Structures are given as C-alpha cells and as structure tokens.
Protein backbone atom coordinates (compact mmCIF):
# COMPACT_ATOMS: atom_id res chain seq x y z
CA MET A 1 -13.52 23.21 -7.27
CA SER A 2 -12.31 23.05 -3.66
CA PHE A 3 -9.01 21.69 -2.38
CA SER A 4 -10.92 18.85 -0.71
CA PHE A 5 -12.57 17.83 -3.98
CA TRP A 6 -9.31 17.58 -5.92
CA ILE A 7 -7.34 15.83 -3.16
CA GLU A 8 -9.98 13.43 -1.82
CA GLY A 9 -12.44 13.33 -4.71
CA VAL A 10 -10.09 13.07 -7.69
CA PHE A 11 -6.54 12.07 -6.77
CA MET A 12 -7.44 9.63 -3.96
CA PRO A 13 -9.74 7.36 -6.00
CA SER A 14 -7.47 7.57 -9.06
CA ILE A 15 -4.37 6.46 -7.14
CA SER A 16 -6.40 3.92 -5.18
CA ALA A 17 -7.65 2.24 -8.37
CA PHE A 18 -4.05 1.74 -9.48
CA GLY A 19 -3.05 0.60 -6.00
CA LEU A 20 -5.83 -1.97 -5.74
CA LEU A 21 -4.91 -3.49 -9.10
CA GLY A 22 -1.25 -3.53 -8.09
CA ASN A 23 -1.96 -5.14 -4.71
CA ILE A 24 -4.14 -7.83 -6.32
CA ALA A 25 -1.36 -8.57 -8.82
CA SER A 26 1.21 -8.68 -6.01
CA ILE A 27 -0.89 -11.10 -3.98
CA HIS A 28 -1.31 -13.38 -7.00
CA VAL A 29 2.41 -13.41 -7.82
CA LEU A 30 3.56 -13.82 -4.20
CA ARG A 31 1.05 -16.58 -3.47
CA ASN A 32 1.39 -18.65 -6.63
CA ARG A 33 4.99 -18.01 -7.67
CA HIS A 34 6.95 -17.27 -4.49
CA GLY A 35 9.08 -20.37 -5.11
CA HIS A 36 10.19 -19.00 -8.49
CA LEU A 37 10.85 -15.64 -6.82
CA ASP A 38 13.39 -17.35 -4.53
CA LEU A 39 11.65 -16.01 -1.42
CA ASN A 40 11.22 -17.85 1.85
CA SER A 41 7.62 -18.47 2.84
CA ASN A 42 7.77 -16.14 5.86
CA PHE A 43 8.77 -13.14 3.78
CA ALA A 44 6.21 -13.90 1.07
CA ASP A 45 3.41 -14.36 3.62
CA LEU A 46 4.19 -11.02 5.28
CA LEU A 47 4.25 -9.20 1.94
CA ILE A 48 0.84 -10.72 1.18
CA CYS A 49 -0.40 -9.54 4.59
CA LEU A 50 0.87 -6.05 3.76
CA ALA A 51 -0.91 -6.06 0.39
CA VAL A 52 -4.18 -7.24 1.97
CA SER A 53 -4.02 -4.56 4.69
CA ASP A 54 -3.23 -1.87 2.14
CA SER A 55 -6.10 -2.98 -0.11
CA MET A 56 -8.58 -2.90 2.77
CA PHE A 57 -7.39 0.57 3.74
CA LEU A 58 -7.84 1.83 0.17
CA VAL A 59 -11.41 0.53 0.03
CA PHE A 60 -12.47 1.90 3.42
CA ALA A 61 -10.65 5.24 3.09
CA ASN A 62 -12.25 5.95 -0.27
CA THR A 63 -15.68 4.96 1.02
CA VAL A 64 -15.33 7.49 3.85
CA TYR A 65 -13.36 10.39 2.36
CA ALA A 66 -13.60 10.18 -1.43
CA VAL A 67 -17.35 9.59 -1.53
CA THR A 68 -17.92 12.50 0.86
CA ALA A 69 -15.75 14.86 -1.22
CA ILE A 70 -17.41 13.85 -4.49
CA LEU A 71 -20.99 14.23 -3.19
CA LEU A 72 -20.42 17.47 -1.27
CA PRO A 73 -22.61 19.46 -0.57
CA LYS A 74 -25.06 16.58 -1.03
CA GLN A 75 -25.04 13.56 1.25
CA SER A 76 -25.64 9.85 0.88
CA ALA A 77 -27.84 8.52 3.68
CA MET A 78 -26.30 5.05 3.52
CA GLN A 79 -22.73 6.33 3.54
CA MET A 80 -23.31 8.82 6.38
CA MET A 81 -25.03 6.22 8.56
CA ALA A 82 -22.12 3.81 7.91
CA ILE A 83 -19.29 6.25 8.77
CA PRO A 84 -19.22 5.42 12.54
CA TYR A 85 -18.51 1.82 11.50
CA LEU A 86 -16.33 2.50 8.47
CA LEU A 87 -13.86 4.73 10.34
CA PRO A 88 -12.89 1.99 12.87
CA LEU A 89 -12.44 -0.46 9.98
CA THR A 90 -10.26 2.13 8.22
CA ASN A 91 -8.11 2.47 11.35
CA MET A 92 -7.88 -1.31 11.74
CA SER A 93 -6.59 -1.71 8.19
CA LEU A 94 -4.17 1.21 8.66
CA THR A 95 -2.84 -0.38 11.86
CA GLY A 96 -2.43 -3.66 10.01
CA SER A 97 -0.52 -1.91 7.23
CA VAL A 98 1.81 -0.11 9.66
CA TYR A 99 2.66 -3.20 11.66
CA ALA A 100 2.97 -5.35 8.54
CA VAL A 101 5.90 -3.11 7.55
CA VAL A 102 7.31 -3.58 11.06
CA ALA A 103 6.87 -7.35 10.74
CA VAL A 104 8.60 -7.43 7.34
CA THR A 105 11.53 -5.55 8.89
CA ILE A 106 11.69 -7.98 11.81
CA GLU A 107 11.61 -10.93 9.42
CA ARG A 108 14.48 -9.57 7.32
CA TYR A 109 16.56 -8.82 10.42
CA THR A 110 16.09 -12.29 11.94
CA THR A 111 16.70 -13.95 8.56
CA LEU A 112 20.01 -12.15 8.13
CA GLN A 113 20.92 -13.27 11.64
CA GLY A 114 20.44 -16.88 10.52
CA ASN A 115 17.25 -17.59 12.47
CA SER A 116 14.92 -18.13 9.52
CA GLU A 117 15.31 -21.90 9.32
CA LYS A 118 14.85 -22.31 13.08
CA HIS A 119 11.40 -20.68 13.05
CA PRO A 120 9.47 -21.58 9.88
CA TRP A 121 6.23 -20.52 11.63
CA LYS A 122 7.52 -17.00 12.26
CA GLY A 123 5.59 -15.39 9.41
CA LYS A 124 2.24 -16.88 10.42
CA ALA A 125 2.82 -15.92 14.06
CA LEU A 126 3.54 -12.32 13.10
CA ILE A 127 0.46 -12.20 10.87
CA ALA A 128 -1.71 -13.54 13.70
CA PHE A 129 -0.32 -10.86 16.02
CA ILE A 130 -0.97 -8.11 13.44
CA VAL A 131 -4.59 -9.17 12.92
CA ILE A 132 -5.41 -9.60 16.62
CA PHE A 133 -3.65 -6.40 17.69
CA SER A 134 -5.21 -4.31 14.89
CA ILE A 135 -8.71 -5.44 15.90
CA LEU A 136 -8.30 -5.13 19.67
CA TYR A 137 -6.50 -1.76 19.58
CA ASN A 138 -9.20 -0.14 17.42
CA LEU A 139 -12.27 -1.96 18.79
CA VAL A 140 -13.17 0.92 21.10
CA LYS A 141 -13.43 3.27 18.11
CA PHE A 142 -16.82 1.74 17.29
CA PHE A 143 -18.14 3.69 20.29
CA GLU A 144 -16.66 7.09 19.41
CA LEU A 145 -19.12 8.47 16.84
CA THR A 146 -22.84 8.70 16.33
CA VAL A 147 -25.05 10.04 13.53
CA GLU A 148 -27.79 12.59 14.08
CA VAL A 149 -30.43 13.35 11.47
CA HIS A 150 -31.70 16.93 11.26
CA ASP A 151 -34.54 18.23 9.14
CA PHE A 152 -34.36 21.79 7.88
CA LYS A 153 -36.39 23.86 5.52
CA SER A 154 -34.60 24.61 2.30
CA GLU A 155 -34.79 28.24 1.30
CA THR A 156 -35.24 29.42 -2.26
CA THR A 157 -35.41 32.84 -3.78
CA ASN A 158 -37.37 34.31 -6.68
CA SER A 159 -40.11 31.66 -6.54
CA THR A 160 -42.32 32.09 -9.59
CA ASN A 161 -45.25 29.85 -8.73
CA LEU A 162 -47.04 28.18 -5.86
CA THR A 163 -45.29 24.84 -6.41
CA GLU A 164 -41.83 26.38 -5.87
CA SER A 165 -43.08 28.16 -2.79
CA LEU A 166 -44.37 24.92 -1.32
CA ASP A 167 -41.17 23.06 -2.26
CA SER A 168 -39.13 25.64 -0.37
CA PHE A 169 -40.72 24.42 2.87
CA LEU A 170 -40.22 20.73 2.29
CA LYS A 171 -37.99 19.16 4.89
CA GLU A 172 -34.71 17.68 3.74
CA PRO A 173 -32.69 15.34 5.97
CA HIS A 174 -29.21 16.46 6.95
CA TYR A 175 -26.79 14.02 8.59
CA VAL A 176 -24.33 15.20 11.22
CA ILE A 177 -21.49 13.10 12.67
CA ASN A 178 -21.14 13.84 16.38
CA ALA A 179 -18.77 12.55 19.03
CA THR A 180 -20.16 10.35 21.78
CA TRP A 181 -19.57 11.06 25.46
CA LEU A 182 -16.64 8.64 25.34
CA ARG A 183 -14.97 10.50 22.47
CA ARG A 184 -15.45 13.84 24.27
CA HIS A 185 -14.14 12.62 27.62
CA PRO A 186 -10.83 14.46 28.27
CA VAL A 187 -9.08 11.43 29.81
CA TYR A 188 -9.97 9.22 26.84
CA SER A 189 -9.12 11.93 24.31
CA LEU A 190 -5.73 12.65 25.85
CA ASN A 191 -4.54 9.14 26.71
CA TYR A 192 -5.97 7.02 23.89
CA ILE A 193 -6.61 9.27 20.92
CA VAL A 194 -3.65 11.63 21.20
CA LEU A 195 -0.89 10.04 23.30
CA GLY A 196 -1.79 6.42 22.54
CA ASN A 197 -2.07 7.12 18.83
CA PHE A 198 1.24 8.98 18.87
CA PHE A 199 3.18 6.21 20.61
CA VAL A 200 1.47 3.13 19.11
CA MET A 201 0.94 4.34 15.55
CA ASN A 202 3.96 6.64 15.16
CA LEU A 203 6.81 6.55 17.66
CA LEU A 204 7.00 2.78 18.29
CA PRO A 205 6.80 1.55 14.66
CA VAL A 206 9.10 4.30 13.37
CA ALA A 207 11.67 3.58 16.11
CA VAL A 208 11.62 -0.20 15.49
CA ILE A 209 11.82 0.22 11.72
CA THR A 210 14.66 2.75 11.92
CA ILE A 211 16.77 0.80 14.43
CA LEU A 212 16.35 -2.60 12.75
CA ASN A 213 17.04 -1.19 9.29
CA TYR A 214 20.28 0.29 10.61
CA PHE A 215 21.35 -3.15 11.86
CA ILE A 216 20.20 -4.73 8.58
CA TYR A 217 22.32 -2.30 6.60
CA ALA A 218 25.32 -2.92 8.86
CA THR A 219 24.92 -6.70 8.50
CA VAL A 220 24.69 -6.57 4.71
CA ALA A 221 27.62 -4.16 4.44
CA LYS A 222 29.77 -6.42 6.65
CA ALA A 223 28.82 -9.55 4.70
CA THR A 224 29.62 -7.84 1.41
CA ALA A 225 33.03 -6.70 2.66
CA LEU A 226 33.91 -10.26 3.71
CA HIS A 227 33.15 -11.77 0.29
CA ASN A 228 35.15 -10.93 -2.78
CA THR A 229 32.58 -12.71 -4.91
CA ILE A 230 28.97 -12.45 -3.83
CA SER A 231 27.07 -15.74 -3.91
CA ASN A 232 23.62 -16.02 -5.43
CA HIS A 233 22.07 -16.41 -1.98
CA HIS A 234 23.81 -13.30 -0.65
CA ARG A 235 22.92 -11.38 -3.81
CA ARG A 236 19.26 -12.32 -3.28
CA ASP A 237 19.39 -11.14 0.33
CA THR A 238 20.88 -7.84 -0.87
CA THR A 239 18.02 -7.42 -3.35
CA MET A 240 15.41 -8.05 -0.66
CA VAL A 241 17.12 -5.58 1.66
CA ALA A 242 17.07 -2.93 -1.07
CA LEU A 243 13.38 -3.68 -1.60
CA LEU A 244 12.73 -3.36 2.14
CA PHE A 245 14.63 -0.06 2.32
CA SER A 246 12.45 1.33 -0.47
CA ILE A 247 9.26 0.27 1.34
CA VAL A 248 10.51 1.87 4.56
CA ILE A 249 11.53 5.15 2.90
CA ILE A 250 8.12 5.50 1.22
CA PHE A 251 6.46 4.55 4.51
CA LEU A 252 8.33 7.22 6.50
CA LEU A 253 7.74 9.93 3.90
CA CYS A 254 4.01 9.22 3.54
CA HIS A 255 3.43 8.96 7.29
CA SER A 256 5.40 12.11 8.16
CA THR A 257 2.32 14.33 7.66
CA ARG A 258 0.29 12.19 10.06
CA LEU A 259 3.13 12.38 12.60
CA GLY A 260 3.19 16.18 12.35
CA LEU A 261 -0.58 16.43 12.87
CA ASN A 262 -0.42 14.11 15.88
CA ILE A 263 2.31 16.23 17.45
CA TYR A 264 0.21 19.36 16.86
CA GLU A 265 -2.80 17.68 18.51
CA ALA A 266 -0.69 16.43 21.44
CA ILE A 267 0.70 19.90 22.15
CA GLN A 268 -2.79 21.40 22.31
CA MET A 269 -4.15 18.58 24.48
CA LEU A 270 -1.29 19.01 26.96
CA GLN A 271 -1.70 22.80 27.04
CA TYR A 272 -5.49 23.23 26.97
CA GLY A 273 -6.90 19.78 27.70
CA THR A 274 -8.66 19.86 24.33
CA ILE A 275 -7.97 20.68 20.69
CA GLN A 276 -8.79 24.37 20.96
CA HIS A 277 -7.49 25.56 17.57
CA TRP A 278 -7.78 23.82 14.22
CA PRO A 279 -6.87 26.37 11.53
CA GLY A 280 -7.43 26.05 7.81
CA TRP A 281 -3.89 24.87 7.11
CA ALA A 282 -4.36 21.97 9.56
CA ASP A 283 -7.60 20.97 7.83
CA ASN A 284 -5.88 21.03 4.41
CA LEU A 285 -2.95 19.10 5.86
CA THR A 286 -5.39 16.46 7.15
CA ARG A 287 -6.76 15.97 3.65
CA TRP A 288 -3.21 15.84 2.27
CA ASN A 289 -2.44 13.18 4.90
CA HIS A 290 -5.30 11.04 3.56
CA LEU A 291 -3.78 11.25 0.09
CA MET A 292 -0.29 10.38 1.37
CA LEU A 293 -1.60 7.29 3.17
CA VAL A 294 -3.28 6.22 -0.06
CA VAL A 295 -0.01 6.73 -1.95
CA ASN A 296 1.79 4.58 0.62
CA SER A 297 -0.77 1.78 0.27
CA SER A 298 -0.57 1.93 -3.54
CA SER A 299 3.19 2.10 -4.10
CA ASN A 300 4.43 -1.40 -3.23
CA ILE A 301 3.79 -2.84 -6.69
CA VAL A 302 6.01 -0.10 -8.14
CA ILE A 303 8.77 -0.94 -5.65
CA TYR A 304 8.59 -4.67 -6.40
CA VAL A 305 8.78 -4.12 -10.15
CA ALA A 306 11.59 -1.57 -9.90
CA LYS A 307 13.77 -3.44 -7.40
CA ASP A 308 13.31 -7.14 -8.16
CA HIS A 309 13.87 -8.52 -11.65
CA LYS A 310 12.44 -11.92 -10.65
CA PHE A 311 9.18 -10.35 -9.50
CA ARG A 312 9.12 -8.28 -12.69
CA ARG A 313 9.50 -11.41 -14.81
CA ALA A 314 6.90 -13.36 -12.78
CA LEU A 315 4.42 -10.49 -13.11
CA TRP A 316 4.99 -10.35 -16.87
CA LEU A 317 4.38 -14.08 -17.15
CA CYS A 318 1.13 -13.69 -15.21
CA LEU A 319 -0.03 -10.80 -17.38
CA THR A 320 0.75 -12.73 -20.57
CA CYS A 321 -0.77 -15.97 -19.18
CA ARG A 322 2.45 -17.91 -19.69
CA LYS A 323 3.96 -20.54 -17.41
CA VAL A 324 7.43 -20.39 -15.95
CA GLU A 325 8.39 -23.68 -17.57
CA HIS A 326 7.52 -22.27 -21.00
CA GLU A 327 9.67 -19.22 -20.36
CA GLN A 328 12.58 -21.38 -19.16
CA ARG A 329 12.39 -23.57 -22.30
CA ARG A 330 12.36 -20.46 -24.47
CA ARG A 331 15.43 -19.04 -22.71
CA GLN A 332 17.24 -22.40 -22.97
CA ALA A 333 16.44 -22.59 -26.67
CA ASN A 334 17.79 -19.09 -27.26
CA LYS A 335 20.94 -19.92 -25.30
CA SER A 336 21.52 -23.11 -27.30
CA TRP A 337 20.93 -21.26 -30.58
CA LYS A 338 23.53 -18.64 -29.67
CA GLN A 339 26.05 -21.33 -28.70
CA ASN A 340 25.51 -23.23 -31.97
CA LYS A 341 25.86 -20.00 -33.91
CA LYS A 342 29.27 -19.44 -32.41
C-alpha cells in the first residue's frame, strides 16, 4: 500500500468521521444550550460558524482526496468531473475555517476589553464577513481547472483466447485534470496563487491570531493579579481564554505544513517564474498537509470537552437525553441528602 493510500485513503476518512460527529454534537450543544454554558451569544455563534466551516471542509476534502486515494488506480467518472468544482468549495470552507478562528480571537479580545455589551451584533457581523469573503476570494478558482477525457487501449499479456484479445483493444476512458490558461498564466500564478495565498491564508491570520492572543494573555494575567479572589465571571473568562489558546495552538501546528509548502512554492516562483521542481518529499508533504488540515477541523470537540466542564456536562446531558432541569434537581437532592446526613 502506498503512502498516499494510508494518509488520504485510511487516516483522513477515519479522523473525518470522528470530526463530523464531534462538530455536529458541538453545534447542537452550542445552539441549544449556550445559555447553560454561560457563553455570550457572539462567542457561541462564532464557534458554531467554526464548526460548520470545519464540517464542510471535511466533506469536500474527503470527496476530493480520500475518494481518489481509495479508488487509485481506478477512477470515478462522476468524482473526476466534479473535481474542478469541488476544489473551490474545499478552499472556500478552508478559508471560512481559518477566518472563523481569527474572528473568535477578535471576539475574545474585544470582550475582555469590555466592548461585548456595546456591540451585541458583533458575532453576526463577523460571520457575514467570513461567508462573503470566503466566497469572493475563492470564486475565481472555479476557472482554474478543466477535465479532459482520453481513451486508450488497455494492454494485456498472455491472452489465451480470442475474447481476451478483443478485450485488450477496447477503449477505456481516462480522466485528466488540467490547468486552464488562467491557472497557467504567470502573473495569476505568482500574484494570486502563491503570494496572495501566502499573505491572505497564512501571514495575515497567523499575525492577527498571534498578536491578539498575546494581548489577551496579558489582559487575563493583569486581571488575575489585581484580584485576590477570582469572581465567577472572571473565572469563566479565564476558561474561555484557555479554550481559545488550545484552538490556536492546534491551528498553528496543523497549518505549519501548509505554510512551509507555500514558502517553498513562493521561492521557486520568484526565482524561476514557475514551480520548476516538485520532488517526492514535497508531494508526500502535500498529502501530510491534507491530513493535518483534517485533524485541525476534527479536534475542536476534544478541546471543548477537555477544557470546559460546563460543555462536558451539557454534552453528556445531550447524549443521555436528559434535561438540564432534571440534572439540577438531582444535584440539589444529593446536596440536601448530604446536609441532612451531617
């Protein structure tokens, strides 16, 4: 079995299945129980936007890469003909996921600065920007690829009868993904695909996330130092900051491979005007990058469960089909029983 088959054909769909279930569960908990989670609506809406973007990316990425790796060397006519349209949708969902993390960081920073109550529409405005920007930025990608169908005569050896000899000359369709004139144009390739992708999808979001998280950490550390006893509200903010830091760390680690590949492409484009060399290690690293992006889009449910006890309890209540009121009555009864026992 090839490296591509194990990475894109086995691990990608396996992790994606877990991620899709986790994102669906997260959306359900955040949408129906965000009040019990003690989250403001802006933060909950942005986390839902992140889960939706991640889920869309998992679906599209597996349709493009996992299906291809599983079927290889065979091809699916429907899947191959759809790739020029699936790849732009994959990039749109990836852009939405990247900038949803940026939006969550912006929301936490402005909330800690005391601006949350002044702008209750902030979450919806950020979501609208993410959706519109993700579509417009990647719209041109629908014109980058085209599919060509080639017929070739399959060759067989050691034919034992006339039927096998005739079958060896039957034409079989072979689908080839080719770049359009737009995709091959050096100005477009350099400015949009390489430099634009590097700045818009890597440098800008990483810089914003890093700088704002530094200020978030400084704000929380200062607030903690000023209070001998941490209030419930401040403790909740600290929990959400820890949750955000975990999302950001996973984001940076999983996107580091893509950043390295973009830098490698940019160097070649600036030196030769085209990507002249693409060795085997770069091809393997590309497939590893697909897996890392899937891991990033599948990991948020793990972070929520690990970092937030209220989310963990709300998820458990959803899985066991119990209401919050029932759980509160049970806890109150246990507390009263312990007090009476004393």
